[in-house]
Each structure stands twice: as structure tokens, then as C-alpha cells.
């Protein structure tokens, strides 16, 4: 096949496809034909070819290596397919993301622009998943928050997508709240509320011995002694020692700190968690019970919590609550008791 040095009216080249001298070999033309293209010219340099798609007629530039070893893509057909999939997903296709080829830019029915992976759009078009506009969703959440007396400040400072940071309109208190709880209005202000979330609480550590069973129970309660005697379901003969009781400014702070501490312990010391079957009939809980050999680690973490609480950085209190790697009051311990009957 002879060399094509210039574009022809039947196969116009884009402006950036400058012809490059050199022969067009028959094996190149055959490979192009087998893969759905016509070989048009050598362009740019000795490594690139101009191919015309036999399906849509568009001319594009492809590396010689790609032609001979892979399946070249027609950019025009690819963009047409992407636009069709976007339409099926209820979107208008604006084009690919120039910085990330696996992402595209789209316009939603609300008029806002979205950036999504093409694979996500395919799944939406197939009805496998849904799609939402972040700006519309944020406005909706603002309206829900306002209906319950809160103002949405922004995302959760700890990065949990199920939480957002809100400000109580009545008192100005900033607080992390689960989005699901706010939607139903199940959110008491830890700054001015009347329920347990706003009242002082404690994080406690119990040592429990009963019939050869030796356990550590970590939790939170406004009254650890009442928790021990009347709420844990311990047998009358169980021997319980209150090892630590850390005062927390609010139940909300105690709950947030305790939950985060348990999550870290389960993740970092899974073998220290006692299976519920081991203490069935002794405790009426199914979690938050540890082997006694974990006590030094628990004491270390509780010391960090106590230091944080003394500094006035109560967890869960909003932006001021960026407490370090561990979690937060004044600490006291000691005291042995027989379990209440």
C-alpha cells in the first residue's frame, strides 16, 4: 500500500494529526481492518497511525503498538456510548474528566453538575443503584436540621459519613449527630438538653469474678454503682471491683468516647474480647467484656481519656472535641462490692 502524506476529502484529519512520511505496510492495514478500522496515514511521528472507524467514520490517532497488539478504541464511538448510558441514567453527559480518565462530568435533572465514575453511571443505567446530587442532598439535610432546631455546619470532623456536625440554634452548642437520628428528631442537645445526653456521666471499668470466671467490663453510666447492682444482672455472689470511674461532662461525651474505645479495642485486640457464651448467665450483656490480661492496655487508654476530659475537650462536643488518638475526666477507682440481688 502506498504512503498517504496528506489528508483526503474522504478522510479528513483533525488539526493535530500532522502527516508523517513513511510507508503504510499491508500487515498494518490488515490488522486495522480486522479490528474495525481503515488505515489512513502515518501521523505525528513514526509510532502513530491515523485510523478511520468503519462504524461511525471518525478518524483518530492510535499508536502502532496498540494496533498490532491490542484493540484500538474509537473515541467517537466511546463518547457516544457514554452519552447514551448517561441518558439512560437520567443525566446529560458533559464529557470526560480531563484529569481522571475513569471519571466523567454530567448534569443532573436538577441542573447541578456531577462527577462520577463511568462504571457507576453504567450501574445506575442498569437500575442496580441510585444516584443523588450532593448539593440537593445537602440542602435537603439543611431543611431537616432546621425543622428540628439545628443548623448543619458541615461533614463529620472525624470523617464518619453517617454523621454530620450540627449547631443547636437555641444555645449555639456544636455536636456530632447521626444523620438518621436527626432525620427522625432523635437528638437531644448535650449543651442545654434535659435528658441523659446532657447530664454528667462516667466511663467505668469493672473487674468481675464468679465461680472461676474472671472478666473486665468496660462501659459508661451516670451511676456506675447502680449499673453494677441493678442493671448488669450479676449473680448475688459475684465479686465486683470498680477499678476506674472517669467523670465525663455529658452522657453524649461518655457514649461517644466509650463507643470509639470499644471499636479500637475490637480492631486492635480482637483476641481480648470474651465471647458472650463464656459469660452467659452471669452478665445480661453480649459485648464490651474483655479478658483480664488486657487491663494494662485499658488503664493506659483510660488515662488518656481522663487527661482529655480534664483539659475540657470532651469528645462529641463539636470542633473543640478533636481529641487525639485515644479518647476523655477526673478519674477515681477502687471499691469492692458484692453484686446486688
Protein backbone atom coordinates (compact mmCIF):
# COMPACT_ATOMS: atom_id res chain seq x y z
CA UNK A 1 0.00 0.00 0.00
CA UNK A 2 1.35 3.41 -0.90
CA UNK A 3 2.06 6.10 1.66
CA UNK A 4 -0.54 8.79 2.42
CA UNK A 5 1.23 12.06 3.11
CA UNK A 6 -1.82 14.33 3.14
CA UNK A 7 -5.42 14.16 4.31
CA UNK A 8 -8.02 13.46 1.67
CA UNK A 9 -11.60 14.79 1.46
CA UNK A 10 -12.87 11.28 2.23
CA UNK A 11 -10.82 11.07 5.41
CA UNK A 12 -10.26 14.49 6.94
CA UNK A 13 -7.76 14.57 9.76
CA UNK A 14 -8.17 16.62 12.93
CA UNK A 15 -5.86 19.60 13.04
CA UNK A 16 -3.37 17.94 15.39
CA UNK A 17 -2.88 14.88 13.13
CA UNK A 18 0.01 16.19 11.07
CA UNK A 19 1.14 13.67 8.40
CA UNK A 20 4.42 11.83 8.88
CA UNK A 21 6.40 10.44 5.93
CA UNK A 22 6.83 6.72 5.55
CA UNK A 23 5.21 3.63 4.02
CA UNK A 24 1.95 2.04 5.19
CA UNK A 25 2.57 -1.69 5.42
CA UNK A 26 -0.02 -4.23 4.36
CA UNK A 27 0.08 -6.03 7.71
CA UNK A 28 -0.92 -2.79 9.43
CA UNK A 29 -3.87 -2.32 7.08
CA UNK A 30 -4.97 -5.93 7.62
CA UNK A 31 -4.77 -5.58 11.42
CA UNK A 32 -6.76 -2.35 11.26
CA UNK A 33 -9.43 -3.97 9.07
CA UNK A 34 -9.76 -6.99 11.37
CA UNK A 35 -10.33 -4.62 14.30
CA UNK A 36 -12.96 -2.42 12.65
CA UNK A 37 -10.84 0.38 11.19
CA UNK A 38 -9.37 1.57 7.92
CA UNK A 39 -5.71 2.57 7.91
CA UNK A 40 -5.44 6.16 6.65
CA UNK A 41 -1.94 7.57 7.22
CA UNK A 42 1.12 7.81 9.38
CA UNK A 43 0.81 10.87 11.59
CA UNK A 44 2.78 12.88 14.14
CA UNK A 45 5.79 10.52 14.27
CA UNK A 46 6.80 7.02 13.22
CA UNK A 47 4.96 5.47 16.17
CA UNK A 48 1.42 6.75 15.39
CA UNK A 49 -1.21 5.98 12.77
CA UNK A 50 -4.48 7.61 11.72
CA UNK A 51 -7.38 5.14 11.71
CA UNK A 52 -10.92 5.67 10.47
CA UNK A 53 -13.69 3.86 12.33
CA UNK A 54 -15.83 1.87 9.90
CA UNK A 55 -18.84 2.22 12.21
CA UNK A 56 -19.00 5.99 12.65
CA UNK A 57 -16.40 7.31 10.18
CA UNK A 58 -14.44 9.26 12.77
CA UNK A 59 -10.67 9.50 12.36
CA UNK A 60 -8.46 9.08 15.41
CA UNK A 61 -4.80 8.63 16.23
CA UNK A 62 -3.54 5.29 17.57
CA UNK A 63 -0.12 4.01 18.46
CA UNK A 64 1.26 1.38 16.11
CA UNK A 65 1.95 -0.91 19.07
CA UNK A 66 -1.68 -0.67 20.21
CA UNK A 67 -2.95 -1.51 16.73
CA UNK A 68 -0.76 -4.58 16.40
CA UNK A 69 -1.15 -5.94 19.96
CA UNK A 70 -4.48 -4.68 21.29
CA UNK A 71 -7.94 -3.50 20.26
CA UNK A 72 -7.89 0.22 19.40
CA UNK A 73 -10.77 2.32 20.68
CA UNK A 74 -12.76 4.76 18.64
CA UNK A 75 -13.08 7.83 20.83
CA UNK A 76 -16.17 8.99 18.96
CA UNK A 77 -17.99 5.67 19.48
CA UNK A 78 -16.87 5.58 23.10
CA UNK A 79 -18.20 9.07 23.81
CA UNK A 80 -21.47 8.27 22.01
CA UNK A 81 -21.92 5.15 24.17
CA UNK A 82 -21.16 7.13 27.30
CA UNK A 83 -23.73 9.74 26.36
CA UNK A 84 -26.34 7.04 25.77
CA UNK A 85 -25.62 5.42 29.15
CA UNK A 86 -25.85 8.81 30.84
CA UNK A 87 -29.25 9.40 29.24
CA UNK A 88 -30.41 6.00 30.46
CA UNK A 89 -29.29 7.04 33.96
CA UNK A 90 -31.29 10.29 33.73
CA UNK A 91 -28.25 12.53 33.18
CA UNK A 92 -26.75 14.68 30.45
CA UNK A 93 -23.17 13.79 29.51
CA UNK A 94 -20.79 16.76 29.51
CA UNK A 95 -17.58 14.90 28.69
CA UNK A 96 -14.71 13.05 30.37
CA UNK A 97 -12.85 14.41 33.36
CA UNK A 98 -9.62 15.79 31.83
CA UNK A 99 -7.58 14.80 34.90
CA UNK A 100 -9.04 11.35 35.64
CA UNK A 101 -9.97 9.24 32.60
CA UNK A 102 -12.15 6.84 34.60
CA UNK A 103 -14.44 9.73 35.61
CA UNK A 104 -16.96 11.71 33.60
CA UNK A 105 -18.78 15.01 34.06
CA UNK A 106 -22.57 15.01 33.98
CA UNK A 107 -25.52 17.33 34.52
CA UNK A 108 -28.36 16.07 36.69
CA UNK A 109 -32.03 16.83 36.16
CA UNK A 110 -31.81 19.46 38.91
CA UNK A 111 -29.25 21.39 36.84
CA UNK A 112 -26.25 20.71 39.07
CA UNK A 113 -23.04 19.20 37.71
CA UNK A 114 -21.87 15.80 38.95
CA UNK A 115 -18.58 13.94 38.68
CA UNK A 116 -18.88 10.15 38.69
CA UNK A 117 -17.01 7.07 37.55
CA UNK A 118 -18.31 5.72 34.26
CA UNK A 119 -18.82 2.34 35.93
CA UNK A 120 -21.14 3.96 38.46
CA UNK A 121 -23.19 5.52 35.64
CA UNK A 122 -23.46 2.11 33.96
CA UNK A 123 -24.79 0.60 37.18
CA UNK A 124 -27.29 3.43 37.58
CA UNK A 125 -28.43 2.99 33.98
CA UNK A 126 -28.93 -0.74 34.64
CA UNK A 127 -31.03 0.01 37.73
CA UNK A 128 -28.56 -1.60 40.14
CA UNK A 129 -28.01 1.52 42.26
CA UNK A 130 -29.41 5.02 42.62
CA UNK A 131 -27.82 8.40 42.17
CA UNK A 132 -28.18 11.65 44.06
CA UNK A 133 -26.96 15.20 43.71
CA UNK A 134 -24.74 16.20 46.63
CA UNK A 135 -25.84 19.82 46.57
CA UNK A 136 -29.55 18.96 46.56
CA UNK A 137 -29.00 16.37 49.28
CA UNK A 138 -27.14 18.89 51.45
CA UNK A 139 -29.97 21.39 51.02
CA UNK A 140 -32.49 18.75 52.00
CA UNK A 141 -30.49 17.89 55.12
CA UNK A 142 -30.28 21.60 55.96
CA UNK A 143 -34.06 21.79 55.82
CA UNK A 144 -34.46 18.70 58.02
CA UNK A 145 -31.99 20.10 60.55
CA UNK A 146 -33.78 23.46 60.64
CA UNK A 147 -37.08 21.71 61.24
CA UNK A 148 -35.64 20.19 64.42
CA UNK A 149 -33.85 23.34 65.60
CA UNK A 150 -30.35 22.64 64.29
CA UNK A 151 -28.06 24.08 61.62
CA UNK A 152 -25.85 21.78 59.58
CA UNK A 153 -22.29 23.11 59.76
CA UNK A 154 -20.51 20.54 57.66
CA UNK A 155 -19.25 16.96 57.46
CA UNK A 156 -18.24 14.95 60.49
CA UNK A 157 -14.82 16.18 61.73
CA UNK A 158 -13.87 12.53 62.30
CA UNK A 159 -14.75 11.53 58.75
CA UNK A 160 -17.70 9.24 59.51
CA UNK A 161 -20.12 9.63 56.56
CA UNK A 162 -23.06 8.62 58.76
CA UNK A 163 -22.56 11.68 60.97
CA UNK A 164 -22.54 15.44 60.39
CA UNK A 165 -21.61 18.38 62.58
CA UNK A 166 -24.58 20.50 63.65
CA UNK A 167 -25.11 23.64 65.75
CA UNK A 168 -28.05 23.87 68.13
CA UNK A 169 -29.96 27.04 67.25
CA UNK A 170 -31.17 27.59 70.82
CA UNK A 171 -27.80 27.58 72.61
CA UNK A 172 -25.10 27.51 69.92
CA UNK A 173 -23.68 24.14 71.01
CA UNK A 174 -21.83 22.23 68.26
CA UNK A 175 -22.46 18.48 68.20
CA UNK A 176 -21.88 15.42 66.06
CA UNK A 177 -25.22 13.79 65.29
CA UNK A 178 -26.06 10.68 63.32
CA UNK A 179 -27.90 11.74 60.20
CA UNK A 180 -30.53 9.03 60.68
CA UNK A 181 -31.23 10.24 64.23
CA UNK A 182 -31.61 13.84 63.13
CA UNK A 183 -33.99 12.87 60.37
CA UNK A 184 -36.37 11.47 63.00
CA UNK A 185 -35.68 14.22 65.52
CA UNK A 186 -34.00 11.82 67.93
CA UNK A 187 -31.27 14.23 69.00
CA UNK A 188 -31.04 15.95 72.36
CA UNK A 189 -28.59 18.80 72.77
CA UNK A 190 -25.67 17.83 75.00
CA UNK A 191 -25.26 21.50 75.91
CA UNK A 192 -28.71 22.52 77.10
CA UNK A 193 -30.84 19.37 76.93
CA UNK A 194 -32.74 17.75 79.79
CA UNK A 195 -32.14 14.07 79.03
CA UNK A 196 -29.22 11.80 79.94
CA UNK A 197 -27.18 13.03 76.99
CA UNK A 198 -26.76 16.46 78.60
CA UNK A 199 -26.25 15.26 82.19
CA UNK A 200 -22.86 14.26 83.67
CA UNK A 201 -21.85 10.64 83.22
CA UNK A 202 -18.92 8.28 83.83
CA UNK A 203 -16.84 5.73 82.00
CA UNK A 204 -16.24 2.76 84.28
CA UNK A 205 -14.12 -0.38 84.38
CA UNK A 206 -15.34 -3.30 86.48
CA UNK A 207 -13.41 -6.43 87.46
CA UNK A 208 -15.80 -9.35 87.87
CA UNK A 209 -15.03 -12.72 89.49
CA UNK A 210 -17.54 -15.53 89.78
CA UNK A 211 -17.06 -19.32 90.00
CA UNK A 212 -13.61 -19.19 88.43
CA UNK A 213 -14.69 -16.69 85.79
CA UNK A 214 -12.50 -13.56 85.65
CA UNK A 215 -13.69 -10.68 83.42
CA UNK A 216 -13.31 -6.97 82.78
CA UNK A 217 -16.43 -4.94 81.89
CA UNK A 218 -15.96 -1.53 80.30
CA UNK A 219 -18.90 0.82 79.84
CA UNK A 220 -20.49 4.16 80.70
CA UNK A 221 -23.20 5.13 83.15
CA UNK A 222 -24.41 8.13 85.10
CA UNK A 223 -24.20 5.90 88.20
CA UNK A 224 -21.72 3.00 87.88
CA UNK A 225 -22.71 1.54 91.26
CA UNK A 226 -26.36 1.38 90.19
CA UNK A 227 -25.25 -0.12 86.90
CA UNK A 228 -23.36 -2.84 88.77
CA UNK A 229 -26.05 -3.64 91.35
CA UNK A 230 -29.25 -3.42 89.33
CA UNK A 231 -28.59 -3.45 85.58
CA UNK A 232 -25.91 -5.99 84.68
CA UNK A 233 -27.84 -8.99 86.01
CA UNK A 234 -24.90 -10.27 88.05
CA UNK A 235 -25.41 -13.19 90.45
CA UNK A 236 -25.60 -12.24 94.13
CA UNK A 237 -22.29 -13.99 94.86
CA UNK A 238 -20.33 -12.31 92.08
CA UNK A 239 -17.38 -10.30 93.40
CA UNK A 240 -17.12 -6.92 91.63
CA UNK A 241 -14.35 -4.33 91.92
CA UNK A 242 -14.73 -0.85 90.48
CA UNK A 243 -11.26 -0.33 89.02
CA UNK A 244 -11.87 3.02 87.33
CA UNK A 245 -14.59 5.66 87.12
CA UNK A 246 -13.85 8.63 84.88
CA UNK A 247 -16.16 11.62 85.15
CA UNK A 248 -17.44 12.89 81.81
CA UNK A 249 -19.22 16.24 81.33
CA UNK A 250 -22.21 14.75 79.49
CA UNK A 251 -23.75 11.42 78.62
CA UNK A 252 -23.23 12.29 74.98
CA UNK A 253 -19.48 12.66 75.53
CA UNK A 254 -19.32 9.44 77.57
CA UNK A 255 -21.24 7.50 74.93
CA UNK A 256 -19.13 8.80 72.04
CA UNK A 257 -15.86 8.10 73.87
CA UNK A 258 -16.87 4.63 75.02
CA UNK A 259 -18.09 3.54 71.59
CA UNK A 260 -14.91 4.74 69.92
CA UNK A 261 -12.76 3.00 72.52
CA UNK A 262 -14.59 -0.31 72.06
CA UNK A 263 -14.21 -0.05 68.29
CA UNK A 264 -10.45 0.42 68.62
CA UNK A 265 -10.11 -2.41 71.10
CA UNK A 266 -12.05 -4.82 68.85
CA UNK A 267 -9.92 -3.81 65.89
CA UNK A 268 -6.52 -3.82 67.59
CA UNK A 269 -7.04 -6.57 70.23
CA UNK A 270 -9.69 -8.94 68.85
CA UNK A 271 -8.36 -11.86 70.91
CA UNK A 272 -9.06 -9.89 74.12
CA UNK A 273 -12.82 -9.85 73.51
CA UNK A 274 -14.60 -12.51 75.58
CA UNK A 275 -17.25 -14.45 73.59
CA UNK A 276 -20.77 -13.97 75.04
CA UNK A 277 -21.17 -17.73 75.52
CA UNK A 278 -18.39 -17.62 78.14
CA UNK A 279 -20.40 -15.37 80.47
CA UNK A 280 -23.96 -16.28 79.57
CA UNK A 281 -25.99 -16.44 82.78
CA UNK A 282 -23.54 -14.17 84.60
CA UNK A 283 -23.94 -10.90 82.69
CA UNK A 284 -27.01 -9.79 80.74
CA UNK A 285 -24.88 -8.09 78.04
CA UNK A 286 -23.43 -9.52 74.84
CA UNK A 287 -20.41 -7.28 74.30
CA UNK A 288 -17.89 -4.90 75.89
CA UNK A 289 -16.36 -7.66 78.05
CA UNK A 290 -12.62 -8.37 77.94
CA UNK A 291 -10.06 -10.82 79.27
CA UNK A 292 -8.19 -9.58 82.38
CA UNK A 293 -4.81 -9.64 80.66
CA UNK A 294 -5.92 -6.56 78.68
CA UNK A 295 -6.10 -4.46 81.87
CA UNK A 296 -2.73 -2.61 81.38
CA UNK A 297 -3.83 -1.52 77.91
CA UNK A 298 -7.25 -0.48 79.20
CA UNK A 299 -5.64 1.53 82.01
CA UNK A 300 -3.36 3.28 79.54
CA UNK A 301 -6.23 4.28 77.31
CA UNK A 302 -8.41 5.33 80.22
CA UNK A 303 -5.57 7.56 81.45
CA UNK A 304 -5.61 9.29 78.08
CA UNK A 305 -9.37 9.74 78.34
CA UNK A 306 -9.04 11.19 81.84
CA UNK A 307 -6.36 13.65 80.70
CA UNK A 308 -8.51 14.76 77.77
CA UNK A 309 -11.57 15.27 79.97
CA UNK A 310 -9.55 17.26 82.50
CA UNK A 311 -8.42 19.54 79.66
CA UNK A 312 -12.07 20.25 78.87
CA UNK A 313 -12.00 18.59 75.43
CA UNK A 314 -15.00 16.36 75.84
CA UNK A 315 -15.49 14.01 72.87
CA UNK A 316 -18.60 14.59 70.82
CA UNK A 317 -18.74 18.28 71.69
CA UNK A 318 -18.08 19.50 68.18
CA UNK A 319 -14.97 21.11 66.73
CA UNK A 320 -13.43 21.63 70.14
CA UNK A 321 -13.51 17.90 70.60
CA UNK A 322 -10.68 16.90 68.30
CA UNK A 323 -9.21 14.63 70.96
CA UNK A 324 -6.07 12.78 69.95
CA UNK A 325 -5.63 9.17 69.13
CA UNK A 326 -7.48 7.88 72.15
CA UNK A 327 -10.49 9.29 73.91
CA UNK A 328 -11.78 11.64 77.51
CA UNK A 329 -12.45 13.25 83.37
CA UNK A 330 -11.15 13.17 86.65
CA UNK A 331 -10.51 9.55 87.45
CA UNK A 332 -11.18 7.58 90.55
CA UNK A 333 -11.10 3.91 91.29
CA UNK A 334 -11.25 1.33 93.98
CA UNK A 335 -14.11 -0.09 95.98
CA UNK A 336 -15.21 -3.71 96.12
CA UNK A 337 -18.82 -4.86 96.27
CA UNK A 338 -20.95 -7.95 96.25
CA UNK A 339 -23.35 -7.82 93.33
CA UNK A 340 -26.80 -6.56 94.35
CA UNK A 341 -29.63 -9.09 94.38
